[in-house]
All heavy atoms as atom14 arrays in JSON, in Angstrom:
{
  "sequence": "ERVAAREAEAQMAKLRSRFAPMAALAVAIAVLFALLLYR",
  "atom14_mask": [
    [1, 1, 1, 1, 1, 1, 1, 1, 1, 0, 0, 0, 0, 0],
    [1, 1, 1, 1, 1, 1, 1, 1, 1, 1, 1, 0, 0, 0],
    [1, 1, 1, 1, 1, 1, 1, 0, 0, 0, 0, 0, 0, 0],
    [1, 1, 1, 1, 1, 0, 0, 0, 0, 0, 0, 0, 0, 0],
    [1, 1, 1, 1, 1, 0, 0, 0, 0, 0, 0, 0, 0, 0],
    [1, 1, 1, 1, 1, 1, 1, 1, 1, 1, 1, 0, 0, 0],
    [1, 1, 1, 1, 1, 1, 1, 1, 1, 0, 0, 0, 0, 0],
    [1, 1, 1, 1, 1, 0, 0, 0, 0, 0, 0, 0, 0, 0],
    [1, 1, 1, 1, 1, 1, 1, 1, 1, 0, 0, 0, 0, 0],
    [1, 1, 1, 1, 1, 0, 0, 0, 0, 0, 0, 0, 0, 0],
    [1, 1, 1, 1, 1, 1, 1, 1, 1, 0, 0, 0, 0, 0],
    [1, 1, 1, 1, 1, 1, 1, 1, 0, 0, 0, 0, 0, 0],
    [1, 1, 1, 1, 1, 0, 0, 0, 0, 0, 0, 0, 0, 0],
    [1, 1, 1, 1, 1, 1, 1, 1, 1, 0, 0, 0, 0, 0],
    [1, 1, 1, 1, 1, 1, 1, 1, 0, 0, 0, 0, 0, 0],
    [1, 1, 1, 1, 1, 1, 1, 1, 1, 1, 1, 0, 0, 0],
    [1, 1, 1, 1, 1, 1, 0, 0, 0, 0, 0, 0, 0, 0],
    [1, 1, 1, 1, 1, 1, 1, 1, 1, 1, 1, 0, 0, 0],
    [1, 1, 1, 1, 1, 1, 1, 1, 1, 1, 1, 0, 0, 0],
    [1, 1, 1, 1, 1, 0, 0, 0, 0, 0, 0, 0, 0, 0],
    [1, 1, 1, 1, 1, 1, 1, 0, 0, 0, 0, 0, 0, 0],
    [1, 1, 1, 1, 1, 1, 1, 1, 0, 0, 0, 0, 0, 0],
    [1, 1, 1, 1, 1, 0, 0, 0, 0, 0, 0, 0, 0, 0],
    [1, 1, 1, 1, 1, 0, 0, 0, 0, 0, 0, 0, 0, 0],
    [1, 1, 1, 1, 1, 1, 1, 1, 0, 0, 0, 0, 0, 0],
    [1, 1, 1, 1, 1, 0, 0, 0, 0, 0, 0, 0, 0, 0],
    [1, 1, 1, 1, 1, 1, 1, 0, 0, 0, 0, 0, 0, 0],
    [1, 1, 1, 1, 1, 0, 0, 0, 0, 0, 0, 0, 0, 0],
    [1, 1, 1, 1, 1, 1, 1, 1, 0, 0, 0, 0, 0, 0],
    [1, 1, 1, 1, 1, 0, 0, 0, 0, 0, 0, 0, 0, 0],
    [1, 1, 1, 1, 1, 1, 1, 0, 0, 0, 0, 0, 0, 0],
    [1, 1, 1, 1, 1, 1, 1, 1, 0, 0, 0, 0, 0, 0],
    [1, 1, 1, 1, 1, 1, 1, 1, 1, 1, 1, 0, 0, 0],
    [1, 1, 1, 1, 1, 0, 0, 0, 0, 0, 0, 0, 0, 0],
    [1, 1, 1, 1, 1, 1, 1, 1, 0, 0, 0, 0, 0, 0],
    [1, 1, 1, 1, 1, 1, 1, 1, 0, 0, 0, 0, 0, 0],
    [1, 1, 1, 1, 1, 1, 1, 1, 0, 0, 0, 0, 0, 0],
    [1, 1, 1, 1, 1, 1, 1, 1, 1, 1, 1, 1, 0, 0],
    [1, 1, 1, 1, 1, 1, 1, 1, 1, 1, 1, 0, 0, 0]
  ],
  "atom14_positions": [
    [[80.78, -253.93, -75.48], [80.62, -252.39, -75.36], [79.88, -252.01, -74.17], [80.2, -251.04, -73.46], [79.83, -251.83, -76.52], [80.6, -252.02, -77.91], [81.96, -251.45, -77.87], [82.26, -250.49, -77.19], [82.86, -251.94, -78.6], [0.0, 0.0, 0.0], [0.0, 0.0, 0.0], [0.0, 0.0, 0.0], [0.0, 0.0, 0.0], [0.0, 0.0, 0.0]],
    [[78.84, -252.87, -73.65], [78.2, -252.57, -72.52], [79.18, -252.69, -71.3], [79.07, -251.88, -70.26], [77.09, -253.51, -72.28], [75.88, -253.11, -73.25], [74.7, -254.07, -73.07], [73.69, -253.65, -74.0], [72.57, -254.43, -74.16], [72.42, -255.62, -73.5], [71.55, -253.94, -74.99], [0.0, 0.0, 0.0], [0.0, 0.0, 0.0], [0.0, 0.0, 0.0]],
    [[80.0, -253.69, -71.37], [81.01, -253.84, -70.25], [81.98, -252.59, -70.2], [82.25, -252.15, -69.07], [81.75, -255.19, -70.52], [82.97, -255.23, -69.56], [80.93, -256.44, -70.26], [0.0, 0.0, 0.0], [0.0, 0.0, 0.0], [0.0, 0.0, 0.0], [0.0, 0.0, 0.0], [0.0, 0.0, 0.0], [0.0, 0.0, 0.0], [0.0, 0.0, 0.0]],
    [[82.34, -252.18, -71.4], [83.24, -250.98, -71.46], [82.54, -249.76, -70.86], [83.09, -249.0, -70.15], [83.67, -250.78, -72.88], [0.0, 0.0, 0.0], [0.0, 0.0, 0.0], [0.0, 0.0, 0.0], [0.0, 0.0, 0.0], [0.0, 0.0, 0.0], [0.0, 0.0, 0.0], [0.0, 0.0, 0.0], [0.0, 0.0, 0.0], [0.0, 0.0, 0.0]],
    [[81.16, -249.62, -71.18], [80.52, -248.54, -70.64], [80.33, -248.55, -69.09], [80.54, -247.56, -68.42], [79.2, -248.49, -71.3], [0.0, 0.0, 0.0], [0.0, 0.0, 0.0], [0.0, 0.0, 0.0], [0.0, 0.0, 0.0], [0.0, 0.0, 0.0], [0.0, 0.0, 0.0], [0.0, 0.0, 0.0], [0.0, 0.0, 0.0], [0.0, 0.0, 0.0]],
    [[80.08, -249.86, -68.61], [80.04, -250.02, -67.16], [81.41, -249.77, -66.57], [81.41, -249.18, -65.39], [79.5, -251.32, -66.87], [78.0, -251.54, -67.09], [77.44, -252.77, -66.43], [78.07, -253.99, -67.01], [77.54, -254.71, -68.04], [76.35, -254.22, -68.54], [78.06, -255.73, -68.5], [0.0, 0.0, 0.0], [0.0, 0.0, 0.0], [0.0, 0.0, 0.0]],
    [[82.43, -250.16, -67.18], [83.72, -249.96, -66.55], [84.03, -248.36, -66.51], [84.57, -247.87, -65.58], [84.81, -250.64, -67.4], [84.8, -252.14, -67.17], [85.88, -252.82, -68.11], [86.48, -252.08, -68.85], [86.07, -253.99, -67.91], [0.0, 0.0, 0.0], [0.0, 0.0, 0.0], [0.0, 0.0, 0.0], [0.0, 0.0, 0.0], [0.0, 0.0, 0.0]],
    [[83.53, -247.66, -67.67], [83.84, -246.22, -67.64], [83.01, -245.57, -66.52], [83.44, -244.68, -65.85], [83.42, -245.59, -68.98], [0.0, 0.0, 0.0], [0.0, 0.0, 0.0], [0.0, 0.0, 0.0], [0.0, 0.0, 0.0], [0.0, 0.0, 0.0], [0.0, 0.0, 0.0], [0.0, 0.0, 0.0], [0.0, 0.0, 0.0], [0.0, 0.0, 0.0]],
    [[81.72, -246.04, -66.29], [80.95, -245.43, -65.26], [81.52, -245.79, -63.9], [81.55, -245.0, -62.96], [79.52, -246.07, -65.38], [78.75, -245.53, -66.57], [77.35, -246.21, -66.58], [77.13, -247.09, -65.87], [76.58, -245.72, -67.46], [0.0, 0.0, 0.0], [0.0, 0.0, 0.0], [0.0, 0.0, 0.0], [0.0, 0.0, 0.0], [0.0, 0.0, 0.0]],
    [[82.02, -247.12, -63.73], [82.74, -247.43, -62.58], [83.96, -246.55, -62.2], [84.21, -246.12, -61.07], [83.13, -248.86, -62.5], [0.0, 0.0, 0.0], [0.0, 0.0, 0.0], [0.0, 0.0, 0.0], [0.0, 0.0, 0.0], [0.0, 0.0, 0.0], [0.0, 0.0, 0.0], [0.0, 0.0, 0.0], [0.0, 0.0, 0.0], [0.0, 0.0, 0.0]],
    [[84.68, -246.3, -63.33], [85.96, -245.32, -63.09], [85.55, -243.98, -62.74], [86.14, -243.42, -61.89], [86.69, -245.34, -64.45], [87.41, -246.66, -64.78], [88.6, -246.89, -63.79], [89.16, -245.94, -63.17], [88.86, -248.2, -63.58], [0.0, 0.0, 0.0], [0.0, 0.0, 0.0], [0.0, 0.0, 0.0], [0.0, 0.0, 0.0], [0.0, 0.0, 0.0]],
    [[84.41, -243.4, -63.25], [83.99, -242.18, -62.91], [83.52, -242.13, -61.46], [83.73, -241.2, -60.7], [82.83, -241.73, -63.86], [83.34, -241.49, -65.23], [81.98, -240.93, -66.33], [81.57, -239.35, -65.53], [0.0, 0.0, 0.0], [0.0, 0.0, 0.0], [0.0, 0.0, 0.0], [0.0, 0.0, 0.0], [0.0, 0.0, 0.0], [0.0, 0.0, 0.0]],
    [[82.74, -243.24, -60.98], [82.33, -243.26, -59.6], [83.47, -243.35, -58.7], [83.54, -242.7, -57.69], [81.39, -244.49, -59.5], [0.0, 0.0, 0.0], [0.0, 0.0, 0.0], [0.0, 0.0, 0.0], [0.0, 0.0, 0.0], [0.0, 0.0, 0.0], [0.0, 0.0, 0.0], [0.0, 0.0, 0.0], [0.0, 0.0, 0.0], [0.0, 0.0, 0.0]],
    [[84.48, -244.22, -59.18], [85.62, -244.26, -58.26], [86.47, -242.98, -58.22], [86.94, -242.66, -57.17], [86.59, -245.41, -58.85], [87.83, -245.73, -58.02], [88.6, -246.8, -58.72], [89.87, -247.06, -57.89], [90.64, -248.15, -58.55], [0.0, 0.0, 0.0], [0.0, 0.0, 0.0], [0.0, 0.0, 0.0], [0.0, 0.0, 0.0], [0.0, 0.0, 0.0]],
    [[86.46, -242.25, -59.34], [87.2, -240.89, -59.33], [86.47, -239.97, -58.55], [87.03, -239.19, -57.68], [87.18, -240.45, -60.81], [87.95, -239.22, -61.02], [89.46, -239.33, -60.67], [87.72, -238.65, -62.51], [0.0, 0.0, 0.0], [0.0, 0.0, 0.0], [0.0, 0.0, 0.0], [0.0, 0.0, 0.0], [0.0, 0.0, 0.0], [0.0, 0.0, 0.0]],
    [[85.12, -239.99, -58.45], [84.3, -239.03, -57.59], [84.55, -239.47, -56.15], [84.83, -238.5, -55.31], [82.8, -239.22, -57.9], [82.4, -238.46, -59.24], [80.94, -238.31, -59.24], [80.27, -239.63, -59.23], [79.98, -240.34, -60.35], [80.19, -239.7, -61.56], [79.29, -241.42, -60.22], [0.0, 0.0, 0.0], [0.0, 0.0, 0.0], [0.0, 0.0, 0.0]],
    [[84.56, -240.69, -55.83], [84.81, -241.12, -54.4], [86.26, -240.78, -54.0], [86.42, -240.52, -52.82], [84.55, -242.56, -54.26], [85.49, -243.29, -55.13], [0.0, 0.0, 0.0], [0.0, 0.0, 0.0], [0.0, 0.0, 0.0], [0.0, 0.0, 0.0], [0.0, 0.0, 0.0], [0.0, 0.0, 0.0], [0.0, 0.0, 0.0], [0.0, 0.0, 0.0]],
    [[87.2, -240.8, -54.92], [88.55, -240.4, -54.56], [88.72, -238.86, -54.54], [89.42, -238.4, -53.59], [89.51, -240.95, -55.61], [90.97, -240.75, -55.22], [91.86, -240.96, -56.48], [91.54, -242.29, -57.15], [92.23, -242.64, -58.24], [93.11, -241.7, -58.85], [91.87, -243.79, -58.87], [0.0, 0.0, 0.0], [0.0, 0.0, 0.0], [0.0, 0.0, 0.0]],
    [[88.08, -238.2, -55.35], [88.36, -236.7, -55.42], [87.57, -235.93, -54.33], [87.93, -234.89, -53.98], [88.0, -236.16, -56.8], [89.07, -236.34, -57.83], [88.86, -236.2, -59.18], [90.32, -236.71, -57.46], [89.79, -236.44, -60.16], [91.27, -236.88, -58.33], [91.0, -236.74, -59.74], [0.0, 0.0, 0.0], [0.0, 0.0, 0.0], [0.0, 0.0, 0.0]],
    [[86.39, -236.54, -53.9], [85.61, -235.89, -52.97], [86.35, -235.48, -51.64], [86.41, -234.36, -51.29], [84.33, -236.62, -52.56], [0.0, 0.0, 0.0], [0.0, 0.0, 0.0], [0.0, 0.0, 0.0], [0.0, 0.0, 0.0], [0.0, 0.0, 0.0], [0.0, 0.0, 0.0], [0.0, 0.0, 0.0], [0.0, 0.0, 0.0], [0.0, 0.0, 0.0]],
    [[86.99, -236.49, -50.99], [87.85, -236.15, -49.77], [89.05, -235.27, -50.2], [89.41, -234.46, -49.33], [88.2, -237.51, -49.23], [88.09, -238.45, -50.35], [86.98, -237.96, -51.25], [0.0, 0.0, 0.0], [0.0, 0.0, 0.0], [0.0, 0.0, 0.0], [0.0, 0.0, 0.0], [0.0, 0.0, 0.0], [0.0, 0.0, 0.0], [0.0, 0.0, 0.0]],
    [[89.64, -235.65, -51.32], [90.8, -234.77, -51.71], [90.35, -233.35, -51.92], [91.06, -232.45, -51.43], [91.32, -235.33, -52.96], [92.13, -236.7, -52.83], [92.75, -237.29, -54.45], [93.97, -236.03, -54.78], [0.0, 0.0, 0.0], [0.0, 0.0, 0.0], [0.0, 0.0, 0.0], [0.0, 0.0, 0.0], [0.0, 0.0, 0.0], [0.0, 0.0, 0.0]],
    [[89.2, -233.18, -52.53], [88.76, -231.72, -52.71], [88.43, -231.07, -51.31], [88.84, -229.94, -51.1], [87.54, -231.76, -53.6], [0.0, 0.0, 0.0], [0.0, 0.0, 0.0], [0.0, 0.0, 0.0], [0.0, 0.0, 0.0], [0.0, 0.0, 0.0], [0.0, 0.0, 0.0], [0.0, 0.0, 0.0], [0.0, 0.0, 0.0], [0.0, 0.0, 0.0]],
    [[87.8, -231.78, -50.51], [87.56, -231.27, -49.19], [88.76, -230.93, -48.52], [88.96, -229.91, -47.75], [86.69, -232.27, -48.35], [0.0, 0.0, 0.0], [0.0, 0.0, 0.0], [0.0, 0.0, 0.0], [0.0, 0.0, 0.0], [0.0, 0.0, 0.0], [0.0, 0.0, 0.0], [0.0, 0.0, 0.0], [0.0, 0.0, 0.0], [0.0, 0.0, 0.0]],
    [[89.73, -231.89, -48.45], [91.06, -231.67, -47.8], [91.72, -230.47, -48.44], [92.21, -229.58, -47.73], [91.89, -232.85, -47.94], [93.32, -232.78, -47.32], [93.19, -232.56, -45.82], [94.19, -234.0, -47.61], [0.0, 0.0, 0.0], [0.0, 0.0, 0.0], [0.0, 0.0, 0.0], [0.0, 0.0, 0.0], [0.0, 0.0, 0.0], [0.0, 0.0, 0.0]],
    [[91.68, -230.37, -49.78], [92.29, -229.25, -50.5], [91.62, -227.9, -50.04], [92.31, -226.83, -49.8], [92.22, -229.43, -51.93], [0.0, 0.0, 0.0], [0.0, 0.0, 0.0], [0.0, 0.0, 0.0], [0.0, 0.0, 0.0], [0.0, 0.0, 0.0], [0.0, 0.0, 0.0], [0.0, 0.0, 0.0], [0.0, 0.0, 0.0], [0.0, 0.0, 0.0]],
    [[90.28, -227.92, -49.86], [89.55, -226.62, -49.5], [89.97, -226.32, -48.08], [90.16, -225.11, -47.74], [88.1, -226.9, -49.66], [87.26, -225.76, -49.05], [87.68, -227.06, -51.1], [0.0, 0.0, 0.0], [0.0, 0.0, 0.0], [0.0, 0.0, 0.0], [0.0, 0.0, 0.0], [0.0, 0.0, 0.0], [0.0, 0.0, 0.0], [0.0, 0.0, 0.0]],
    [[90.04, -227.31, -47.17], [90.43, -227.02, -45.77], [91.89, -226.51, -45.76], [92.16, -225.55, -44.98], [90.32, -228.34, -45.01], [0.0, 0.0, 0.0], [0.0, 0.0, 0.0], [0.0, 0.0, 0.0], [0.0, 0.0, 0.0], [0.0, 0.0, 0.0], [0.0, 0.0, 0.0], [0.0, 0.0, 0.0], [0.0, 0.0, 0.0], [0.0, 0.0, 0.0]],
    [[92.79, -227.12, -46.54], [94.12, -226.65, -46.52], [94.12, -225.22, -47.02], [94.9, -224.3, -46.5], [95.03, -227.59, -47.36], [95.21, -228.94, -46.71], [96.42, -226.98, -47.5], [96.01, -229.93, -47.48], [0.0, 0.0, 0.0], [0.0, 0.0, 0.0], [0.0, 0.0, 0.0], [0.0, 0.0, 0.0], [0.0, 0.0, 0.0], [0.0, 0.0, 0.0]],
    [[93.45, -224.95, -48.12], [93.43, -223.6, -48.64], [92.88, -222.5, -47.71], [93.41, -221.45, -47.53], [92.58, -223.53, -50.02], [0.0, 0.0, 0.0], [0.0, 0.0, 0.0], [0.0, 0.0, 0.0], [0.0, 0.0, 0.0], [0.0, 0.0, 0.0], [0.0, 0.0, 0.0], [0.0, 0.0, 0.0], [0.0, 0.0, 0.0], [0.0, 0.0, 0.0]],
    [[91.84, -222.93, -47.01], [91.21, -222.08, -45.98], [92.2, -221.76, -44.87], [92.39, -220.67, -44.43], [89.89, -222.57, -45.48], [89.37, -221.78, -44.22], [88.86, -222.61, -46.58], [0.0, 0.0, 0.0], [0.0, 0.0, 0.0], [0.0, 0.0, 0.0], [0.0, 0.0, 0.0], [0.0, 0.0, 0.0], [0.0, 0.0, 0.0], [0.0, 0.0, 0.0]],
    [[92.82, -222.8, -44.33], [93.84, -222.7, -43.27], [94.97, -221.85, -43.63], [95.46, -220.92, -43.02], [94.28, -224.03, -42.88], [93.25, -224.89, -42.05], [93.8, -226.2, -41.69], [92.84, -224.13, -40.8], [0.0, 0.0, 0.0], [0.0, 0.0, 0.0], [0.0, 0.0, 0.0], [0.0, 0.0, 0.0], [0.0, 0.0, 0.0], [0.0, 0.0, 0.0]],
    [[95.4, -222.06, -44.98], [96.57, -221.3, -45.49], [96.1, -219.9, -45.68], [96.92, -218.92, -45.4], [97.0, -221.9, -46.83], [98.25, -221.21, -47.39], [99.38, -221.3, -46.73], [98.17, -220.62, -48.63], [100.55, -220.74, -47.28], [99.26, -220.07, -49.12], [100.53, -220.11, -48.53], [0.0, 0.0, 0.0], [0.0, 0.0, 0.0], [0.0, 0.0, 0.0]],
    [[94.9, -219.6, -46.13], [94.44, -218.25, -46.25], [94.34, -217.58, -44.93], [94.71, -216.43, -44.78], [93.12, -218.21, -46.93], [0.0, 0.0, 0.0], [0.0, 0.0, 0.0], [0.0, 0.0, 0.0], [0.0, 0.0, 0.0], [0.0, 0.0, 0.0], [0.0, 0.0, 0.0], [0.0, 0.0, 0.0], [0.0, 0.0, 0.0], [0.0, 0.0, 0.0]],
    [[93.76, -218.23, -43.95], [93.68, -217.72, -42.59], [95.11, -217.35, -42.15], [95.32, -216.41, -41.35], [93.0, -218.67, -41.78], [91.45, -218.78, -41.92], [90.99, -219.83, -40.97], [90.78, -217.47, -41.67], [0.0, 0.0, 0.0], [0.0, 0.0, 0.0], [0.0, 0.0, 0.0], [0.0, 0.0, 0.0], [0.0, 0.0, 0.0], [0.0, 0.0, 0.0]],
    [[96.12, -218.33, -42.27], [97.4, -218.01, -41.87], [98.04, -216.82, -42.44], [98.61, -215.98, -41.86], [98.28, -219.28, -42.16], [99.73, -219.2, -41.83], [99.87, -218.96, -40.25], [100.56, -220.36, -42.19], [0.0, 0.0, 0.0], [0.0, 0.0, 0.0], [0.0, 0.0, 0.0], [0.0, 0.0, 0.0], [0.0, 0.0, 0.0], [0.0, 0.0, 0.0]],
    [[97.87, -216.71, -43.8], [98.4, -215.54, -44.51], [97.65, -214.24, -44.01], [98.28, -213.15, -43.87], [98.17, -215.75, -45.96], [99.07, -216.74, -46.68], [98.65, -216.84, -48.14], [100.56, -216.43, -46.52], [0.0, 0.0, 0.0], [0.0, 0.0, 0.0], [0.0, 0.0, 0.0], [0.0, 0.0, 0.0], [0.0, 0.0, 0.0], [0.0, 0.0, 0.0]],
    [[96.31, -214.35, -43.85], [95.53, -213.21, -43.35], [95.94, -212.7, -41.98], [96.22, -211.54, -41.79], [93.99, -213.62, -43.36], [93.17, -212.43, -42.88], [92.9, -211.38, -43.65], [92.64, -212.54, -41.56], [92.07, -210.37, -43.15], [91.85, -211.52, -41.08], [91.59, -210.47, -41.88], [90.78, -209.47, -41.4], [0.0, 0.0, 0.0], [0.0, 0.0, 0.0]],
    [[96.15, -213.73, -41.01], [96.56, -213.35, -39.73], [97.97, -212.82, -39.58], [98.32, -211.94, -38.77], [96.3, -214.51, -38.77], [94.85, -214.77, -38.43], [94.75, -216.0, -37.49], [95.3, -215.69, -36.23], [94.66, -214.94, -35.26], [93.48, -214.61, -35.47], [95.26, -214.69, -34.12], [0.0, 0.0, 0.0], [0.0, 0.0, 0.0], [0.0, 0.0, 0.0]]
  ]
}
């Protein structure tokens, strides 16, 4: 069970490390898209 808990924590950490750049990229794309629509 401890191994399962550590694996779940590792998956969450991996998910955070994967989603952080994706979120930043999504925010940048959304900002650029909003600027394009605005201009």
